[in-house]
Amino acid sequence: MRSTLIVLPLLLLAGCSSFRGDPENIRPVPEDRLLAFQQAQANGAQIVVNRDFGVMGGGCYVAIEVDRKVAARIGMGEVATFQVPPGTRVVGITPDRMDDTLCGMGRLLREVAVPVKTGETHKLRIISQNRGGFDIVPDTP
């Protein structure tokens, strides 16, 4: 009984962290939630953003911004691809301000600078952690 009381809180804390989904469970963000950076750019590149599965914020969309312009509303287990010009792009996540529930009223701003060259594809990942909340990080296999 004592071991259960010790292990249970640890399992609950671990359950708040996100996890990478299997490729067959990842689905693209529907077109109605892709808001910008969808047209191919001359000499352009791609930025691919994948959102992990997890309990924290699971029922809420997160807004993805490219150069501080809302580019998509992404849900858990979804992936979005953005067509961008070369140069350093600022990719960030914020609350989904199009949502008038509590989901859209949170405080969240995480950004990463992505140096993009013609023809490249950069992959990023939205994670959630039991400490620190949401973050956007390079997606390394």
C-alpha atoms as a PDB file:
ATOM      1  CA  MET A   1       0.000   0.000   0.000  1.00  0.00           C
ATOM      2  CA  ARG A   2       2.795   2.420   0.862  1.00  0.00           C
ATOM      3  CA  SER A   3       4.522   1.829  -2.448  1.00  0.00           C
ATOM      4  CA  THR A   4       1.290   2.683  -4.267  1.00  0.00           C
ATOM      5  CA  LEU A   5       1.034   5.978  -2.381  1.00  0.00           C
ATOM      6  CA  ILE A   6       4.595   6.817  -3.392  1.00  0.00           C
ATOM      7  CA  VAL A   7       4.355   5.771  -7.055  1.00  0.00           C
ATOM      8  CA  LEU A   8       0.905   7.223  -7.860  1.00  0.00           C
ATOM      9  CA  PRO A   9       1.876  10.922  -7.524  1.00  0.00           C
ATOM     10  CA  LEU A  10       4.969  10.318  -9.662  1.00  0.00           C
ATOM     11  CA  LEU A  11       2.860   8.713 -12.381  1.00  0.00           C
ATOM     12  CA  LEU A  12       0.399  11.609 -12.295  1.00  0.00           C
ATOM     13  CA  LEU A  13       3.206  14.140 -12.704  1.00  0.00           C
ATOM     14  CA  ALA A  14       4.708  12.181 -15.585  1.00  0.00           C
ATOM     15  CA  GLY A  15       1.275  12.068 -17.222  1.00  0.00           C
ATOM     16  CA  CYS A  16       1.308  15.837 -17.694  1.00  0.00           C
ATOM     17  CA  SER A  17       4.243  15.746 -20.094  1.00  0.00           C
ATOM     18  CA  SER A  18       3.538  15.355 -23.793  1.00  0.00           C
ATOM     19  CA  PHE A  19       4.740  12.595 -26.074  1.00  0.00           C
ATOM     20  CA  ARG A  20       5.497  12.258 -29.768  1.00  0.00           C
ATOM     21  CA  GLY A  21       2.710  10.489 -31.613  1.00  0.00           C
ATOM     22  CA  ASP A  22       3.169   7.594 -33.995  1.00  0.00           C
ATOM     23  CA  PRO A  23       3.258   8.830 -37.617  1.00  0.00           C
ATOM     24  CA  GLU A  24       0.009   7.010 -38.441  1.00  0.00           C
ATOM     25  CA  ASN A  25      -1.772   8.979 -35.668  1.00  0.00           C
ATOM     26  CA  ILE A  26      -0.567  12.427 -36.753  1.00  0.00           C
ATOM     27  CA  ARG A  27      -3.032  14.302 -38.949  1.00  0.00           C
ATOM     28  CA  PRO A  28      -2.655  17.552 -40.888  1.00  0.00           C
ATOM     29  CA  VAL A  29      -4.249  20.727 -39.585  1.00  0.00           C
ATOM     30  CA  PRO A  30      -7.524  21.191 -41.519  1.00  0.00           C
ATOM     31  CA  GLU A  31      -7.454  23.906 -44.180  1.00  0.00           C
ATOM     32  CA  ASP A  32      -9.899  26.136 -42.291  1.00  0.00           C
ATOM     33  CA  ARG A  33      -7.322  26.475 -39.465  1.00  0.00           C
ATOM     34  CA  LEU A  34      -4.373  27.201 -41.803  1.00  0.00           C
ATOM     35  CA  LEU A  35      -4.399  30.995 -41.912  1.00  0.00           C
ATOM     36  CA  ALA A  36      -1.163  32.136 -43.623  1.00  0.00           C
ATOM     37  CA  PHE A  37       2.072  31.068 -45.331  1.00  0.00           C
ATOM     38  CA  GLN A  38       0.418  28.412 -47.499  1.00  0.00           C
ATOM     39  CA  GLN A  39       1.465  29.622 -50.979  1.00  0.00           C
ATOM     40  CA  ALA A  40       4.805  28.419 -52.361  1.00  0.00           C
ATOM     41  CA  GLN A  41       7.505  31.110 -52.317  1.00  0.00           C
ATOM     42  CA  ALA A  42      10.051  31.692 -55.071  1.00  0.00           C
ATOM     43  CA  ASN A  43      13.371  30.488 -53.658  1.00  0.00           C
ATOM     44  CA  GLY A  44      11.449  29.612 -50.501  1.00  0.00           C
ATOM     45  CA  ALA A  45      11.639  26.946 -47.855  1.00  0.00           C
ATOM     46  CA  GLN A  46       9.335  25.046 -45.514  1.00  0.00           C
ATOM     47  CA  ILE A  47       8.798  25.040 -41.788  1.00  0.00           C
ATOM     48  CA  VAL A  48       6.923  22.018 -40.440  1.00  0.00           C
ATOM     49  CA  VAL A  49       5.396  22.231 -36.946  1.00  0.00           C
ATOM     50  CA  ASN A  50       4.125  19.135 -35.139  1.00  0.00           C
ATOM     51  CA  ARG A  51       2.174  19.247 -31.863  1.00  0.00           C
ATOM     52  CA  ASP A  52       2.667  16.403 -29.410  1.00  0.00           C
ATOM     53  CA  PHE A  53      -0.071  14.416 -27.691  1.00  0.00           C
ATOM     54  CA  GLY A  54      -0.632  15.068 -23.991  1.00  0.00           C
ATOM     55  CA  VAL A  55      -3.140  15.882 -21.297  1.00  0.00           C
ATOM     56  CA  MET A  56      -2.153  19.510 -20.697  1.00  0.00           C
ATOM     57  CA  GLY A  57      -4.125  21.774 -23.013  1.00  0.00           C
ATOM     58  CA  GLY A  58      -5.451  18.740 -24.879  1.00  0.00           C
ATOM     59  CA  GLY A  59      -8.827  20.321 -25.598  1.00  0.00           C
ATOM     60  CA  CYS A  60      -7.388  23.646 -26.755  1.00  0.00           C
ATOM     61  CA  TYR A  61      -5.840  24.898 -29.955  1.00  0.00           C
ATOM     62  CA  VAL A  62      -2.526  26.735 -29.851  1.00  0.00           C
ATOM     63  CA  ALA A  63      -1.847  29.551 -32.316  1.00  0.00           C
ATOM     64  CA  ILE A  64       1.324  29.214 -34.387  1.00  0.00           C
ATOM     65  CA  GLU A  65       2.841  32.507 -35.474  1.00  0.00           C
ATOM     66  CA  VAL A  66       5.392  33.038 -38.220  1.00  0.00           C
ATOM     67  CA  ASP A  67       7.114  36.412 -38.014  1.00  0.00           C
ATOM     68  CA  ARG A  68       4.516  37.345 -35.375  1.00  0.00           C
ATOM     69  CA  LYS A  69       1.585  36.771 -37.741  1.00  0.00           C
ATOM     70  CA  VAL A  70      -0.929  34.044 -36.841  1.00  0.00           C
ATOM     71  CA  ALA A  71      -0.349  31.266 -39.365  1.00  0.00           C
ATOM     72  CA  ALA A  72      -2.431  28.393 -37.951  1.00  0.00           C
ATOM     73  CA  ARG A  73      -4.493  27.058 -35.077  1.00  0.00           C
ATOM     74  CA  ILE A  74      -3.074  23.644 -34.205  1.00  0.00           C
ATOM     75  CA  GLY A  75      -4.611  20.892 -32.112  1.00  0.00           C
ATOM     76  CA  MET A  76      -3.052  17.978 -30.303  1.00  0.00           C
ATOM     77  CA  GLY A  77      -1.504  15.397 -32.636  1.00  0.00           C
ATOM     78  CA  GLU A  78      -1.593  17.667 -35.694  1.00  0.00           C
ATOM     79  CA  VAL A  79       1.053  18.909 -38.115  1.00  0.00           C
ATOM     80  CA  ALA A  80       1.184  22.105 -40.193  1.00  0.00           C
ATOM     81  CA  THR A  81       3.531  23.086 -43.011  1.00  0.00           C
ATOM     82  CA  PHE A  82       4.368  26.703 -43.832  1.00  0.00           C
ATOM     83  CA  GLN A  83       5.947  28.114 -46.997  1.00  0.00           C
ATOM     84  CA  VAL A  84       8.390  30.871 -46.054  1.00  0.00           C
ATOM     85  CA  PRO A  85      10.943  33.105 -47.789  1.00  0.00           C
ATOM     86  CA  PRO A  86      14.629  32.651 -46.946  1.00  0.00           C
ATOM     87  CA  GLY A  87      16.037  34.544 -43.958  1.00  0.00           C
ATOM     88  CA  THR A  88      15.602  34.284 -40.230  1.00  0.00           C
ATOM     89  CA  ARG A  89      11.980  33.509 -39.415  1.00  0.00           C
ATOM     90  CA  VAL A  90      10.563  33.909 -35.907  1.00  0.00           C
ATOM     91  CA  VAL A  91       8.207  30.999 -35.172  1.00  0.00           C
ATOM     92  CA  GLY A  92       6.190  31.145 -31.986  1.00  0.00           C
ATOM     93  CA  ILE A  93       3.207  29.802 -30.107  1.00  0.00           C
ATOM     94  CA  THR A  94       0.544  31.868 -28.342  1.00  0.00           C
ATOM     95  CA  PRO A  95      -2.971  31.240 -26.993  1.00  0.00           C
ATOM     96  CA  ASP A  96      -5.604  30.858 -29.698  1.00  0.00           C
ATOM     97  CA  ARG A  97      -7.223  34.294 -29.512  1.00  0.00           C
ATOM     98  CA  MET A  98      -9.962  33.126 -31.929  1.00  0.00           C
ATOM     99  CA  ASP A  99     -11.239  30.928 -29.086  1.00  0.00           C
ATOM    100  CA  ASP A 100     -13.449  32.877 -26.664  1.00  0.00           C
ATOM    101  CA  THR A 101     -13.303  30.191 -23.952  1.00  0.00           C
ATOM    102  CA  LEU A 102     -10.670  29.885 -21.231  1.00  0.00           C
ATOM    103  CA  CYS A 103      -8.348  28.314 -23.818  1.00  0.00           C
ATOM    104  CA  GLY A 104      -7.897  31.653 -25.539  1.00  0.00           C
ATOM    105  CA  MET A 105      -7.349  33.622 -22.349  1.00  0.00           C
ATOM    106  CA  GLY A 106      -4.121  32.057 -21.164  1.00  0.00           C
ATOM    107  CA  ARG A 107      -0.685  33.604 -21.096  1.00  0.00           C
ATOM    108  CA  LEU A 108       1.696  31.943 -23.484  1.00  0.00           C
ATOM    109  CA  LEU A 109       4.472  33.258 -25.667  1.00  0.00           C
ATOM    110  CA  ARG A 110       7.328  31.045 -26.774  1.00  0.00           C
ATOM    111  CA  GLU A 111       9.405  31.864 -29.834  1.00  0.00           C
ATOM    112  CA  VAL A 112      12.347  30.393 -31.683  1.00  0.00           C
ATOM    113  CA  ALA A 113      14.453  31.978 -34.432  1.00  0.00           C
ATOM    114  CA  VAL A 114      14.815  29.700 -37.459  1.00  0.00           C
ATOM    115  CA  PRO A 115      17.526  30.585 -40.012  1.00  0.00           C
ATOM    116  CA  VAL A 116      16.039  29.426 -43.325  1.00  0.00           C
ATOM    117  CA  LYS A 117      17.841  28.942 -46.631  1.00  0.00           C
ATOM    118  CA  THR A 118      16.303  28.279 -50.041  1.00  0.00           C
ATOM    119  CA  GLY A 119      15.039  24.721 -50.439  1.00  0.00           C
ATOM    120  CA  GLU A 120      15.437  23.748 -46.789  1.00  0.00           C
ATOM    121  CA  THR A 121      12.850  22.143 -44.529  1.00  0.00           C
ATOM    122  CA  HIS A 122      12.979  22.905 -40.818  1.00  0.00           C
ATOM    123  CA  LYS A 123      10.988  20.822 -38.335  1.00  0.00           C
ATOM    124  CA  LEU A 124       9.706  22.120 -35.016  1.00  0.00           C
ATOM    125  CA  ARG A 125       7.744  20.459 -32.249  1.00  0.00           C
ATOM    126  CA  ILE A 126       5.245  21.862 -29.753  1.00  0.00           C
ATOM    127  CA  ILE A 127       5.661  20.090 -26.432  1.00  0.00           C
ATOM    128  CA  SER A 128       4.030  20.439 -23.025  1.00  0.00           C
ATOM    129  CA  GLN A 129       5.830  19.697 -19.800  1.00  0.00           C
ATOM    130  CA  ASN A 130       4.645  19.343 -16.225  1.00  0.00           C
ATOM    131  CA  ARG A 131       7.075  22.145 -15.351  1.00  0.00           C
ATOM    132  CA  GLY A 132       7.237  25.061 -17.723  1.00  0.00           C
ATOM    133  CA  GLY A 133       4.078  24.432 -19.744  1.00  0.00           C
ATOM    134  CA  PHE A 134       4.126  24.673 -23.539  1.00  0.00           C
ATOM    135  CA  ASP A 135       7.276  25.204 -25.593  1.00  0.00           C
ATOM    136  CA  ILE A 136       8.336  25.084 -29.238  1.00  0.00           C
ATOM    137  CA  VAL A 137      11.630  23.343 -29.914  1.00  0.00           C
ATOM    138  CA  PRO A 138      13.586  21.941 -32.885  1.00  0.00           C
ATOM    139  CA  ASP A 139      12.286  18.477 -33.780  1.00  0.00           C
ATOM    140  CA  THR A 140      15.265  16.166 -33.645  1.00  0.00           C
ATOM    141  CA  PRO A 141      14.658  12.472 -34.285  1.00  0.00           C
END
